[in-house]
Amino acid sequence: MWLPIRGVIVTSQSDSSEYDFVSRFFSPAQGLDEDHVTGSAHCCLGP
C-alpha cells in the first residue's frame, strides 16, 4: 500500500486494564515497516 504521507499512527483501545490504548506507527516509505516504541508518535496521543 502506498500513502502520500510520512507515516500513519494506528491506535486501539487496550484489552488490558493496565493500559488505556495501544498504538503502532508505520512508515514504509522511510524503511520503517512498524515501530511499536516510537516516542515522537506518542507525543501527539493522550487522553
PDB file of N, CA and C in Angstrom:
ATOM      1  N   MET A   1       0.847  -1.176   0.000  1.00  0.00           N
ATOM      2  CA  MET A   1       0.000   0.000   0.000  1.00  0.00           C
ATOM      3  C   MET A   1       0.890   1.235   0.000  1.00  0.00           C
ATOM      4  N   TRP A   2       0.573   2.203  -0.836  1.00  0.00           N
ATOM      5  CA  TRP A   2       1.322   3.445  -0.905  1.00  0.00           C
ATOM      6  C   TRP A   2       0.455   4.587  -0.403  1.00  0.00           C
ATOM      7  N   LEU A   3       0.992   5.396   0.498  1.00  0.00           N
ATOM      8  CA  LEU A   3       0.283   6.569   1.007  1.00  0.00           C
ATOM      9  C   LEU A   3       1.159   7.794   0.783  1.00  0.00           C
ATOM     10  N   PRO A   4       0.596   8.917   0.353  1.00  0.00           N
ATOM     11  CA  PRO A   4       1.387  10.112   0.079  1.00  0.00           C
ATOM     12  C   PRO A   4       1.684  10.922   1.345  1.00  0.00           C
ATOM     13  N   ILE A   5       2.029  10.239   2.426  1.00  0.00           N
ATOM     14  CA  ILE A   5       2.307  10.882   3.708  1.00  0.00           C
ATOM     15  C   ILE A   5       3.521  10.234   4.345  1.00  0.00           C
ATOM     16  N   ARG A   6       4.061  10.875   5.379  1.00  0.00           N
ATOM     17  CA  ARG A   6       5.260  10.364   6.043  1.00  0.00           C
ATOM     18  C   ARG A   6       5.006   9.078   6.816  1.00  0.00           C
ATOM     19  N   GLY A   7       3.867   9.000   7.492  1.00  0.00           N
ATOM     20  CA  GLY A   7       3.574   7.814   8.289  1.00  0.00           C
ATOM     21  C   GLY A   7       2.146   7.820   8.796  1.00  0.00           C
ATOM     22  N   VAL A   8       1.774   6.711   9.430  1.00  0.00           N
ATOM     23  CA  VAL A   8       0.420   6.544   9.957  1.00  0.00           C
ATOM     24  C   VAL A   8       0.525   5.982  11.368  1.00  0.00           C
ATOM     25  N   ILE A   9      -0.220   6.567  12.295  1.00  0.00           N
ATOM     26  CA  ILE A   9      -0.328   6.037  13.652  1.00  0.00           C
ATOM     27  C   ILE A   9      -1.680   5.341  13.754  1.00  0.00           C
ATOM     28  N   VAL A  10      -1.663   4.085  14.166  1.00  0.00           N
ATOM     29  CA  VAL A  10      -2.895   3.322  14.346  1.00  0.00           C
ATOM     30  C   VAL A  10      -3.064   3.083  15.840  1.00  0.00           C
ATOM     31  N   THR A  11      -4.230   3.409  16.381  1.00  0.00           N
ATOM     32  CA  THR A  11      -4.495   3.205  17.802  1.00  0.00           C
ATOM     33  C   THR A  11      -5.735   2.342  17.990  1.00  0.00           C
ATOM     34  N   SER A  12      -5.794   1.719  19.158  1.00  0.00           N
ATOM     35  CA  SER A  12      -6.945   0.900  19.507  1.00  0.00           C
ATOM     36  C   SER A  12      -7.068   0.861  21.023  1.00  0.00           C
ATOM     37  N   GLN A  13      -8.267   0.707  21.495  1.00  0.00           N
ATOM     38  CA  GLN A  13      -8.480   0.521  22.924  1.00  0.00           C
ATOM     39  C   GLN A  13      -7.770  -0.753  23.353  1.00  0.00           C
ATOM     40  N   SER A  14      -7.136  -0.711  24.506  1.00  0.00           N
ATOM     41  CA  SER A  14      -6.399  -1.870  25.007  1.00  0.00           C
ATOM     42  C   SER A  14      -7.339  -2.912  25.604  1.00  0.00           C
ATOM     43  N   ASP A  15      -6.983  -4.169  25.440  1.00  0.00           N
ATOM     44  CA  ASP A  15      -7.722  -5.259  26.085  1.00  0.00           C
ATOM     45  C   ASP A  15      -7.347  -5.390  27.556  1.00  0.00           C
ATOM     46  N   SER A  16      -6.230  -4.795  27.935  1.00  0.00           N
ATOM     47  CA  SER A  16      -5.721  -4.884  29.297  1.00  0.00           C
ATOM     48  C   SER A  16      -6.172  -3.676  30.118  1.00  0.00           C
ATOM     49  N   SER A  17      -6.534  -3.894  31.368  1.00  0.00           N
ATOM     50  CA  SER A  17      -6.909  -2.771  32.230  1.00  0.00           C
ATOM     51  C   SER A  17      -5.687  -1.952  32.640  1.00  0.00           C
ATOM     52  N   GLU A  18      -4.506  -2.467  32.356  1.00  0.00           N
ATOM     53  CA  GLU A  18      -3.262  -1.770  32.688  1.00  0.00           C
ATOM     54  C   GLU A  18      -2.998  -0.583  31.753  1.00  0.00           C
ATOM     55  N   TYR A  19      -3.549  -0.616  30.533  1.00  0.00           N
ATOM     56  CA  TYR A  19      -3.312   0.427  29.530  1.00  0.00           C
ATOM     57  C   TYR A  19      -4.636   0.961  29.002  1.00  0.00           C
ATOM     58  N   ASP A  20      -4.657   2.248  28.654  1.00  0.00           N
ATOM     59  CA  ASP A  20      -5.849   2.850  28.048  1.00  0.00           C
ATOM     60  C   ASP A  20      -5.949   2.514  26.567  1.00  0.00           C
ATOM     61  N   PHE A  21      -4.804   2.552  25.870  1.00  0.00           N
ATOM     62  CA  PHE A  21      -4.795   2.269  24.438  1.00  0.00           C
ATOM     63  C   PHE A  21      -3.450   1.680  24.031  1.00  0.00           C
ATOM     64  N   VAL A  22      -3.419   1.096  22.863  1.00  0.00           N
ATOM     65  CA  VAL A  22      -2.177   0.606  22.258  1.00  0.00           C
ATOM     66  C   VAL A  22      -2.031   1.315  20.916  1.00  0.00           C
ATOM     67  N   SER A  23      -0.799   1.430  20.442  1.00  0.00           N
ATOM     68  CA  SER A  23      -0.590   2.122  19.172  1.00  0.00           C
ATOM     69  C   SER A  23       0.609   1.549  18.435  1.00  0.00           C
ATOM     70  N   ARG A  24       0.602   1.768  17.134  1.00  0.00           N
ATOM     71  CA  ARG A  24       1.715   1.386  16.265  1.00  0.00           C
ATOM     72  C   ARG A  24       1.898   2.490  15.237  1.00  0.00           C
ATOM     73  N   PHE A  25       3.148   2.727  14.862  1.00  0.00           N
ATOM     74  CA  PHE A  25       3.475   3.730  13.851  1.00  0.00           C
ATOM     75  C   PHE A  25       4.061   3.011  12.649  1.00  0.00           C
ATOM     76  N   PHE A  26       3.550   3.319  11.473  1.00  0.00           N
ATOM     77  CA  PHE A  26       4.004   2.696  10.231  1.00  0.00           C
ATOM     78  C   PHE A  26       4.512   3.778   9.282  1.00  0.00           C
ATOM     79  N   SER A  27       5.693   3.562   8.708  1.00  0.00           N
ATOM     80  CA  SER A  27       6.250   4.484   7.721  1.00  0.00           C
ATOM     81  C   SER A  27       7.103   3.704   6.725  1.00  0.00           C
ATOM     82  N   PRO A  28       6.473   2.868   5.903  1.00  0.00           N
ATOM     83  CA  PRO A  28       7.235   2.023   4.983  1.00  0.00           C
ATOM     84  C   PRO A  28       8.032   2.817   3.949  1.00  0.00           C
ATOM     85  N   ALA A  29       7.596   4.017   3.601  1.00  0.00           N
ATOM     86  CA  ALA A  29       8.342   4.825   2.630  1.00  0.00           C
ATOM     87  C   ALA A  29       9.708   5.231   3.173  1.00  0.00           C
ATOM     88  N   GLN A  30       9.860   5.254   4.496  1.00  0.00           N
ATOM     89  CA  GLN A  30      11.131   5.591   5.123  1.00  0.00           C
ATOM     90  C   GLN A  30      11.848   4.346   5.635  1.00  0.00           C
ATOM     91  N   GLY A  31      11.400   3.180   5.208  1.00  0.00           N
ATOM     92  CA  GLY A  31      12.041   1.932   5.606  1.00  0.00           C
ATOM     93  C   GLY A  31      11.647   1.450   6.987  1.00  0.00           C
ATOM     94  N   LEU A  32      10.568   1.978   7.529  1.00  0.00           N
ATOM     95  CA  LEU A  32      10.112   1.620   8.871  1.00  0.00           C
ATOM     96  C   LEU A  32       8.761   0.932   8.751  1.00  0.00           C
ATOM     97  N   ASP A  33       8.793  -0.384   8.610  1.00  0.00           N
ATOM     98  CA  ASP A  33       7.539  -1.120   8.434  1.00  0.00           C
ATOM     99  C   ASP A  33       6.638  -1.028   9.658  1.00  0.00           C
ATOM    100  N   GLU A  34       7.220  -1.108  10.853  1.00  0.00           N
ATOM    101  CA  GLU A  34       6.440  -0.967  12.089  1.00  0.00           C
ATOM    102  C   GLU A  34       7.369  -0.533  13.202  1.00  0.00           C
ATOM    103  N   ASP A  35       6.979   0.497  13.937  1.00  0.00           N
ATOM    104  CA  ASP A  35       7.740   0.958  15.096  1.00  0.00           C
ATOM    105  C   ASP A  35       6.782   1.016  16.273  1.00  0.00           C
ATOM    106  N   HIS A  36       6.855   0.050  17.163  1.00  0.00           N
ATOM    107  CA  HIS A  36       5.910  -0.014  18.277  1.00  0.00           C
ATOM    108  C   HIS A  36       6.375   0.760  19.504  1.00  0.00           C
ATOM    109  N   VAL A  37       7.531   1.404  19.457  1.00  0.00           N
ATOM    110  CA  VAL A  37       8.018   2.138  20.623  1.00  0.00           C
ATOM    111  C   VAL A  37       8.431   3.570  20.283  1.00  0.00           C
ATOM    112  N   THR A  38       7.890   4.143  19.242  1.00  0.00           N
ATOM    113  CA  THR A  38       8.303   5.483  18.842  1.00  0.00           C
ATOM    114  C   THR A  38       7.806   6.548  19.819  1.00  0.00           C
ATOM    115  N   GLY A  39       8.717   7.278  20.399  1.00  0.00           N
ATOM    116  CA  GLY A  39       8.360   8.334  21.351  1.00  0.00           C
ATOM    117  C   GLY A  39       7.735   9.542  20.684  1.00  0.00           C
ATOM    118  N   SER A  40       8.217   9.913  19.509  1.00  0.00           N
ATOM    119  CA  SER A  40       7.679  11.100  18.841  1.00  0.00           C
ATOM    120  C   SER A  40       6.218  10.914  18.450  1.00  0.00           C
ATOM    121  N   ALA A  41       5.820   9.711  18.082  1.00  0.00           N
ATOM    122  CA  ALA A  41       4.414   9.468  17.749  1.00  0.00           C
ATOM    123  C   ALA A  41       3.543   9.562  18.995  1.00  0.00           C
ATOM    124  N   HIS A  42       4.055   9.124  20.133  1.00  0.00           N
ATOM    125  CA  HIS A  42       3.264   9.165  21.362  1.00  0.00           C
ATOM    126  C   HIS A  42       3.093  10.578  21.890  1.00  0.00           C
ATOM    127  N   CYS A  43       3.912  11.520  21.446  1.00  0.00           N
ATOM    128  CA  CYS A  43       3.772  12.911  21.890  1.00  0.00           C
ATOM    129  C   CYS A  43       2.452  13.526  21.452  1.00  0.00           C
ATOM    130  N   CYS A  44       1.873  13.038  20.370  1.00  0.00           N
ATOM    131  CA  CYS A  44       0.614  13.617  19.885  1.00  0.00           C
ATOM    132  C   CYS A  44      -0.599  12.797  20.313  1.00  0.00           C
ATOM    133  N   LEU A  45      -0.407  11.784  21.132  1.00  0.00           N
ATOM    134  CA  LEU A  45      -1.513  10.960  21.633  1.00  0.00           C
ATOM    135  C   LEU A  45      -1.698  11.229  23.119  1.00  0.00           C
ATOM    136  N   GLY A  46      -2.899  11.225  23.579  1.00  0.00           N
ATOM    137  CA  GLY A  46      -3.144  11.431  25.002  1.00  0.00           C
ATOM    138  C   GLY A  46      -4.619  11.313  25.314  1.00  0.00           C
ATOM    139  N   PRO A  47      -4.951  11.352  26.605  1.00  0.00           N
ATOM    140  CA  PRO A  47      -6.350  11.198  26.998  1.00  0.00           C
ATOM    141  C   PRO A  47      -7.195  12.394  26.604  1.00  0.00           C
TER     142      PRO A  47
END
